[in-house]
PDB file of N, CA and C in Angstrom:
ATOM      1  N   MET A   1    -220.370  83.525 -67.889  1.00  0.00           N
ATOM      2  CA  MET A   1    -219.363  84.090 -68.752  1.00  0.00           C
ATOM      3  C   MET A   1    -218.902  83.012 -69.722  1.00  0.00           C
ATOM      4  N   LYS A   2    -218.682  83.422 -70.956  1.00  0.00           N
ATOM      5  CA  LYS A   2    -218.236  82.510 -71.991  1.00  0.00           C
ATOM      6  C   LYS A   2    -217.085  83.184 -72.743  1.00  0.00           C
ATOM      7  N   MET A   3    -216.034  82.410 -73.001  1.00  0.00           N
ATOM      8  CA  MET A   3    -214.888  82.960 -73.708  1.00  0.00           C
ATOM      9  C   MET A   3    -214.598  82.092 -74.918  1.00  0.00           C
ATOM     10  N   GLN A   4    -214.429  82.737 -76.085  1.00  0.00           N
ATOM     11  CA  GLN A   4    -214.110  82.030 -77.318  1.00  0.00           C
ATOM     12  C   GLN A   4    -212.913  82.693 -77.978  1.00  0.00           C
ATOM     13  N   TYR A   5    -212.033  81.860 -78.538  1.00  0.00           N
ATOM     14  CA  TYR A   5    -210.879  82.390 -79.252  1.00  0.00           C
ATOM     15  C   TYR A   5    -210.860  81.784 -80.647  1.00  0.00           C
ATOM     16  N   ASP A   6    -210.781  82.632 -81.662  1.00  0.00           N
ATOM     17  CA  ASP A   6    -210.689  82.206 -83.052  1.00  0.00           C
ATOM     18  C   ASP A   6    -209.220  82.306 -83.461  1.00  0.00           C
ATOM     19  N   GLU A   7    -208.575  81.151 -83.545  1.00  0.00           N
ATOM     20  CA  GLU A   7    -207.137  81.114 -83.830  1.00  0.00           C
ATOM     21  C   GLU A   7    -206.803  81.618 -85.229  1.00  0.00           C
ATOM     22  N   VAL A   8    -207.666  81.357 -86.192  1.00  0.00           N
ATOM     23  CA  VAL A   8    -207.414  81.772 -87.573  1.00  0.00           C
ATOM     24  C   VAL A   8    -207.399  83.295 -87.687  1.00  0.00           C
ATOM     25  N   ASP A   9    -208.387  83.952 -87.095  1.00  0.00           N
ATOM     26  CA  ASP A   9    -208.497  85.412 -87.186  1.00  0.00           C
ATOM     27  C   ASP A   9    -207.887  86.145 -85.987  1.00  0.00           C
ATOM     28  N   ASP A  10    -207.407  85.386 -84.979  1.00  0.00           N
ATOM     29  CA  ASP A  10    -206.794  85.950 -83.767  1.00  0.00           C
ATOM     30  C   ASP A  10    -207.740  86.923 -83.071  1.00  0.00           C
ATOM     31  N   ILE A  11    -208.967  86.441 -82.819  1.00  0.00           N
ATOM     32  CA  ILE A  11    -209.996  87.258 -82.168  1.00  0.00           C
ATOM     33  C   ILE A  11    -210.442  86.563 -80.881  1.00  0.00           C
ATOM     34  N   LEU A  12    -210.443  87.312 -79.798  1.00  0.00           N
ATOM     35  CA  LEU A  12    -210.905  86.823 -78.508  1.00  0.00           C
ATOM     36  C   LEU A  12    -212.226  87.514 -78.171  1.00  0.00           C
ATOM     37  N   VAL A  13    -213.239  86.716 -77.844  1.00  0.00           N
ATOM     38  CA  VAL A  13    -214.546  87.252 -77.452  1.00  0.00           C
ATOM     39  C   VAL A  13    -214.856  86.755 -76.047  1.00  0.00           C
ATOM     40  N   ILE A  14    -215.103  87.695 -75.148  1.00  0.00           N
ATOM     41  CA  ILE A  14    -215.494  87.363 -73.782  1.00  0.00           C
ATOM     42  C   ILE A  14    -216.921  87.869 -73.602  1.00  0.00           C
ATOM     43  N   GLU A  15    -217.836  86.926 -73.425  1.00  0.00           N
ATOM     44  CA  GLU A  15    -219.257  87.259 -73.306  1.00  0.00           C
ATOM     45  C   GLU A  15    -219.686  87.130 -71.844  1.00  0.00           C
ATOM     46  N   PHE A  16    -220.258  88.200 -71.318  1.00  0.00           N
ATOM     47  CA  PHE A  16    -220.688  88.210 -69.928  1.00  0.00           C
ATOM     48  C   PHE A  16    -222.175  87.933 -69.764  1.00  0.00           C
ATOM     49  N   THR A  17    -222.949  88.214 -70.805  1.00  0.00           N
ATOM     50  CA  THR A  17    -224.400  88.036 -70.735  1.00  0.00           C
ATOM     51  C   THR A  17    -224.945  87.812 -72.134  1.00  0.00           C
ATOM     52  N   HIS A  18    -226.137  87.249 -72.208  1.00  0.00           N
ATOM     53  CA  HIS A  18    -226.804  87.056 -73.499  1.00  0.00           C
ATOM     54  C   HIS A  18    -227.721  88.229 -73.841  1.00  0.00           C
ATOM     55  N   GLU A  19    -227.686  89.275 -73.011  1.00  0.00           N
ATOM     56  CA  GLU A  19    -228.533  90.436 -73.274  1.00  0.00           C
ATOM     57  C   GLU A  19    -228.139  91.098 -74.596  1.00  0.00           C
ATOM     58  N   LYS A  20    -229.076  91.806 -75.182  1.00  0.00           N
ATOM     59  CA  LYS A  20    -228.857  92.485 -76.456  1.00  0.00           C
ATOM     60  C   LYS A  20    -227.846  93.628 -76.288  1.00  0.00           C
ATOM     61  N   ILE A  21    -226.870  93.673 -77.196  1.00  0.00           N
ATOM     62  CA  ILE A  21    -225.895  94.754 -77.214  1.00  0.00           C
ATOM     63  C   ILE A  21    -226.577  95.974 -77.838  1.00  0.00           C
ATOM     64  N   ILE A  22    -226.566  97.104 -77.109  1.00  0.00           N
ATOM     65  CA  ILE A  22    -227.242  98.301 -77.614  1.00  0.00           C
ATOM     66  C   ILE A  22    -226.261  99.409 -78.010  1.00  0.00           C
ATOM     67  N   ARG A  23    -224.996  99.276 -77.585  1.00  0.00           N
ATOM     68  CA  ARG A  23    -224.009 100.298 -77.920  1.00  0.00           C
ATOM     69  C   ARG A  23    -222.624  99.676 -77.861  1.00  0.00           C
ATOM     70  N   ASP A  24    -221.766 100.062 -78.797  1.00  0.00           N
ATOM     71  CA  ASP A  24    -220.385  99.604 -78.804  1.00  0.00           C
ATOM     72  C   ASP A  24    -219.460 100.766 -78.464  1.00  0.00           C
ATOM     73  N   VAL A  25    -218.457 100.471 -77.655  1.00  0.00           N
ATOM     74  CA  VAL A  25    -217.466 101.469 -77.262  1.00  0.00           C
ATOM     75  C   VAL A  25    -216.090 100.922 -77.628  1.00  0.00           C
ATOM     76  N   SER A  26    -215.328 101.679 -78.419  1.00  0.00           N
ATOM     77  CA  SER A  26    -213.985 101.260 -78.799  1.00  0.00           C
ATOM     78  C   SER A  26    -212.983 101.787 -77.791  1.00  0.00           C
ATOM     79  N   LEU A  27    -212.107 100.892 -77.344  1.00  0.00           N
ATOM     80  CA  LEU A  27    -211.027 101.263 -76.431  1.00  0.00           C
ATOM     81  C   LEU A  27    -209.702 101.063 -77.163  1.00  0.00           C
ATOM     82  N   GLY A  28    -209.518 101.795 -78.225  1.00  0.00           N
ATOM     83  CA  GLY A  28    -208.362 101.593 -79.083  1.00  0.00           C
ATOM     84  C   GLY A  28    -208.799 100.876 -80.344  1.00  0.00           C
ATOM     85  N   TRP A  29    -207.847 100.645 -81.237  1.00  0.00           N
ATOM     86  CA  TRP A  29    -208.196 100.051 -82.530  1.00  0.00           C
ATOM     87  C   TRP A  29    -208.574  98.578 -82.429  1.00  0.00           C
ATOM     88  N   ASN A  30    -208.157  97.877 -81.353  1.00  0.00           N
ATOM     89  CA  ASN A  30    -208.395  96.437 -81.323  1.00  0.00           C
ATOM     90  C   ASN A  30    -209.257  95.942 -80.162  1.00  0.00           C
ATOM     91  N   VAL A  31    -209.766  96.824 -79.329  1.00  0.00           N
ATOM     92  CA  VAL A  31    -210.618  96.390 -78.216  1.00  0.00           C
ATOM     93  C   VAL A  31    -211.969  97.100 -78.317  1.00  0.00           C
ATOM     94  N   ASN A  32    -213.033  96.302 -78.313  1.00  0.00           N
ATOM     95  CA  ASN A  32    -214.376  96.836 -78.409  1.00  0.00           C
ATOM     96  C   ASN A  32    -215.213  96.269 -77.263  1.00  0.00           C
ATOM     97  N   VAL A  33    -215.955  97.144 -76.604  1.00  0.00           N
ATOM     98  CA  VAL A  33    -216.815  96.740 -75.498  1.00  0.00           C
ATOM     99  C   VAL A  33    -218.262  96.906 -75.929  1.00  0.00           C
ATOM    100  N   GLY A  34    -219.007  95.817 -75.881  1.00  0.00           N
ATOM    101  CA  GLY A  34    -220.428  95.840 -76.204  1.00  0.00           C
ATOM    102  C   GLY A  34    -221.234  96.066 -74.945  1.00  0.00           C
ATOM    103  N   MET A  35    -222.014  97.146 -74.936  1.00  0.00           N
ATOM    104  CA  MET A  35    -222.795  97.512 -73.761  1.00  0.00           C
ATOM    105  C   MET A  35    -224.249  97.070 -73.916  1.00  0.00           C
ATOM    106  N   THR A  36    -224.820  96.573 -72.828  1.00  0.00           N
ATOM    107  CA  THR A  36    -226.246  96.267 -72.765  1.00  0.00           C
ATOM    108  C   THR A  36    -226.916  97.365 -71.944  1.00  0.00           C
ATOM    109  N   LYS A  37    -228.201  97.271 -71.747  1.00  0.00           N
ATOM    110  CA  LYS A  37    -228.877  98.280 -70.921  1.00  0.00           C
ATOM    111  C   LYS A  37    -228.450  98.176 -69.458  1.00  0.00           C
ATOM    112  N   ASN A  38    -227.847  97.038 -69.066  1.00  0.00           N
ATOM    113  CA  ASN A  38    -227.440  96.826 -67.675  1.00  0.00           C
ATOM    114  C   ASN A  38    -225.934  96.902 -67.442  1.00  0.00           C
ATOM    115  N   GLY A  39    -225.160  97.183 -68.488  1.00  0.00           N
ATOM    116  CA  GLY A  39    -223.705  97.257 -68.309  1.00  0.00           C
ATOM    117  C   GLY A  39    -222.960  96.542 -69.430  1.00  0.00           C
ATOM    118  N   VAL A  40    -221.767  96.050 -69.121  1.00  0.00           N
ATOM    119  CA  VAL A  40    -220.916  95.398 -70.124  1.00  0.00           C
ATOM    120  C   VAL A  40    -221.492  94.034 -70.481  1.00  0.00           C
ATOM    121  N   GLY A  41    -221.704  93.816 -71.773  1.00  0.00           N
ATOM    122  CA  GLY A  41    -222.223  92.538 -72.251  1.00  0.00           C
ATOM    123  C   GLY A  41    -221.143  91.651 -72.822  1.00  0.00           C
ATOM    124  N   GLU A  42    -220.172  92.267 -73.524  1.00  0.00           N
ATOM    125  CA  GLU A  42    -219.082  91.489 -74.107  1.00  0.00           C
ATOM    126  C   GLU A  42    -217.882  92.379 -74.373  1.00  0.00           C
ATOM    127  N   ILE A  43    -216.733  91.734 -74.492  1.00  0.00           N
ATOM    128  CA  ILE A  43    -215.499  92.404 -74.887  1.00  0.00           C
ATOM    129  C   ILE A  43    -214.925  91.614 -76.047  1.00  0.00           C
ATOM    130  N   VAL A  44    -214.580  92.320 -77.123  1.00  0.00           N
ATOM    131  CA  VAL A  44    -213.981  91.688 -78.302  1.00  0.00           C
ATOM    132  C   VAL A  44    -212.589  92.278 -78.492  1.00  0.00           C
ATOM    133  N   VAL A  45    -211.597  91.395 -78.617  1.00  0.00           N
ATOM    134  CA  VAL A  45    -210.220  91.832 -78.807  1.00  0.00           C
ATOM    135  C   VAL A  45    -209.717  91.290 -80.145  1.00  0.00           C
ATOM    136  N   LEU A  46    -209.389  92.201 -81.056  1.00  0.00           N
ATOM    137  CA  LEU A  46    -208.805  91.825 -82.344  1.00  0.00           C
ATOM    138  C   LEU A  46    -207.301  91.695 -82.181  1.00  0.00           C
ATOM    139  N   ASP A  47    -206.690  90.792 -82.930  1.00  0.00           N
ATOM    140  CA  ASP A  47    -205.248  90.529 -82.838  1.00  0.00           C
ATOM    141  C   ASP A  47    -204.833  90.269 -81.396  1.00  0.00           C
ATOM    142  N   ALA A  48    -205.622  89.447 -80.708  1.00  0.00           N
ATOM    143  CA  ALA A  48    -205.431  89.208 -79.278  1.00  0.00           C
ATOM    144  C   ALA A  48    -204.061  88.606 -78.965  1.00  0.00           C
ATOM    145  N   LYS A  49    -203.676  87.571 -79.681  1.00  0.00           N
ATOM    146  CA  LYS A  49    -202.390  86.936 -79.422  1.00  0.00           C
ATOM    147  C   LYS A  49    -201.248  87.846 -79.857  1.00  0.00           C
ATOM    148  N   ALA A  50    -201.394  88.490 -81.000  1.00  0.00           N
ATOM    149  CA  ALA A  50    -200.357  89.390 -81.505  1.00  0.00           C
ATOM    150  C   ALA A  50    -200.130  90.560 -80.548  1.00  0.00           C
ATOM    151  N   ALA A  51    -201.182  90.996 -79.849  1.00  0.00           N
ATOM    152  CA  ALA A  51    -201.073  92.104 -78.905  1.00  0.00           C
ATOM    153  C   ALA A  51    -200.612  91.644 -77.518  1.00  0.00           C
ATOM    154  N   GLY A  52    -200.425  90.340 -77.346  1.00  0.00           N
ATOM    155  CA  GLY A  52    -199.988  89.813 -76.061  1.00  0.00           C
ATOM    156  C   GLY A  52    -201.100  89.660 -75.043  1.00  0.00           C
ATOM    157  N   LEU A  53    -202.350  89.682 -75.497  1.00  0.00           N
ATOM    158  CA  LEU A  53    -203.492  89.583 -74.587  1.00  0.00           C
ATOM    159  C   LEU A  53    -204.097  88.188 -74.518  1.00  0.00           C
ATOM    160  N   PHE A  54    -203.533  87.260 -75.262  1.00  0.00           N
ATOM    161  CA  PHE A  54    -204.001  85.873 -75.230  1.00  0.00           C
ATOM    162  C   PHE A  54    -202.806  84.967 -75.447  1.00  0.00           C
ATOM    163  N   PRO A  55    -202.612  83.915 -74.708  1.00  0.00           N
ATOM    164  CA  PRO A  55    -203.515  83.417 -73.674  1.00  0.00           C
ATOM    165  C   PRO A  55    -203.499  84.317 -72.445  1.00  0.00           C
ATOM    166  N   LEU A  56    -204.618  84.310 -71.735  1.00  0.00           N
ATOM    167  CA  LEU A  56    -204.736  85.114 -70.526  1.00  0.00           C
ATOM    168  C   LEU A  56    -203.872  84.504 -69.432  1.00  0.00           C
ATOM    169  N   GLU A  57    -203.132  85.349 -68.752  1.00  0.00           N
ATOM    170  CA  GLU A  57    -202.293  84.880 -67.658  1.00  0.00           C
ATOM    171  C   GLU A  57    -202.529  85.749 -66.441  1.00  0.00           C
ATOM    172  N   LEU A  58    -202.637  85.115 -65.288  1.00  0.00           N
ATOM    173  CA  LEU A  58    -202.824  85.842 -64.036  1.00  0.00           C
ATOM    174  C   LEU A  58    -201.468  86.182 -63.443  1.00  0.00           C
ATOM    175  N   SER A  59    -201.367  87.389 -62.899  1.00  0.00           N
ATOM    176  CA  SER A  59    -200.129  87.778 -62.226  1.00  0.00           C
ATOM    177  C   SER A  59    -199.988  86.958 -60.940  1.00  0.00           C
ATOM    178  N   GLU A  60    -198.794  86.923 -60.393  1.00  0.00           N
ATOM    179  CA  GLU A  60    -198.563  86.191 -59.143  1.00  0.00           C
ATOM    180  C   GLU A  60    -199.419  86.757 -58.014  1.00  0.00           C
ATOM    181  N   GLU A  61    -199.643  88.077 -58.019  1.00  0.00           N
ATOM    182  CA  GLU A  61    -200.469  88.688 -56.970  1.00  0.00           C
ATOM    183  C   GLU A  61    -201.915  88.173 -57.023  1.00  0.00           C
ATOM    184  N   LEU A  62    -202.448  88.053 -58.240  1.00  0.00           N
ATOM    185  CA  LEU A  62    -203.820  87.555 -58.378  1.00  0.00           C
ATOM    186  C   LEU A  62    -203.903  86.069 -58.051  1.00  0.00           C
ATOM    187  N   LYS A  63    -202.882  85.317 -58.404  1.00  0.00           N
ATOM    188  CA  LYS A  63    -202.881  83.887 -58.088  1.00  0.00           C
ATOM    189  C   LYS A  63    -202.879  83.658 -56.573  1.00  0.00           C
ATOM    190  N   ALA A  64    -202.215  84.537 -55.855  1.00  0.00           N
ATOM    191  CA  ALA A  64    -202.103  84.397 -54.396  1.00  0.00           C
ATOM    192  C   ALA A  64    -203.367  84.854 -53.673  1.00  0.00           C
ATOM    193  N   ALA A  65    -204.198  85.616 -54.342  1.00  0.00           N
ATOM    194  CA  ALA A  65    -205.392  86.177 -53.676  1.00  0.00           C
ATOM    195  C   ALA A  65    -206.454  85.133 -53.442  1.00  0.00           C
TER     196      ALA A  65
END
């Protein structure tokens, strides 16, 4: 997994695989999921910081797990 954040454009890209993206699925105006033949290949979040999705923070429940 690889995660990149572009501070200038406020875009977060989370890449799960280097496989070719064959279909994109929008989950709202600012979240896009790139699908490969085997499942999720990447997630792109526009206005990530403005939407409160970056920086990523784990809840206390997840930290304790």
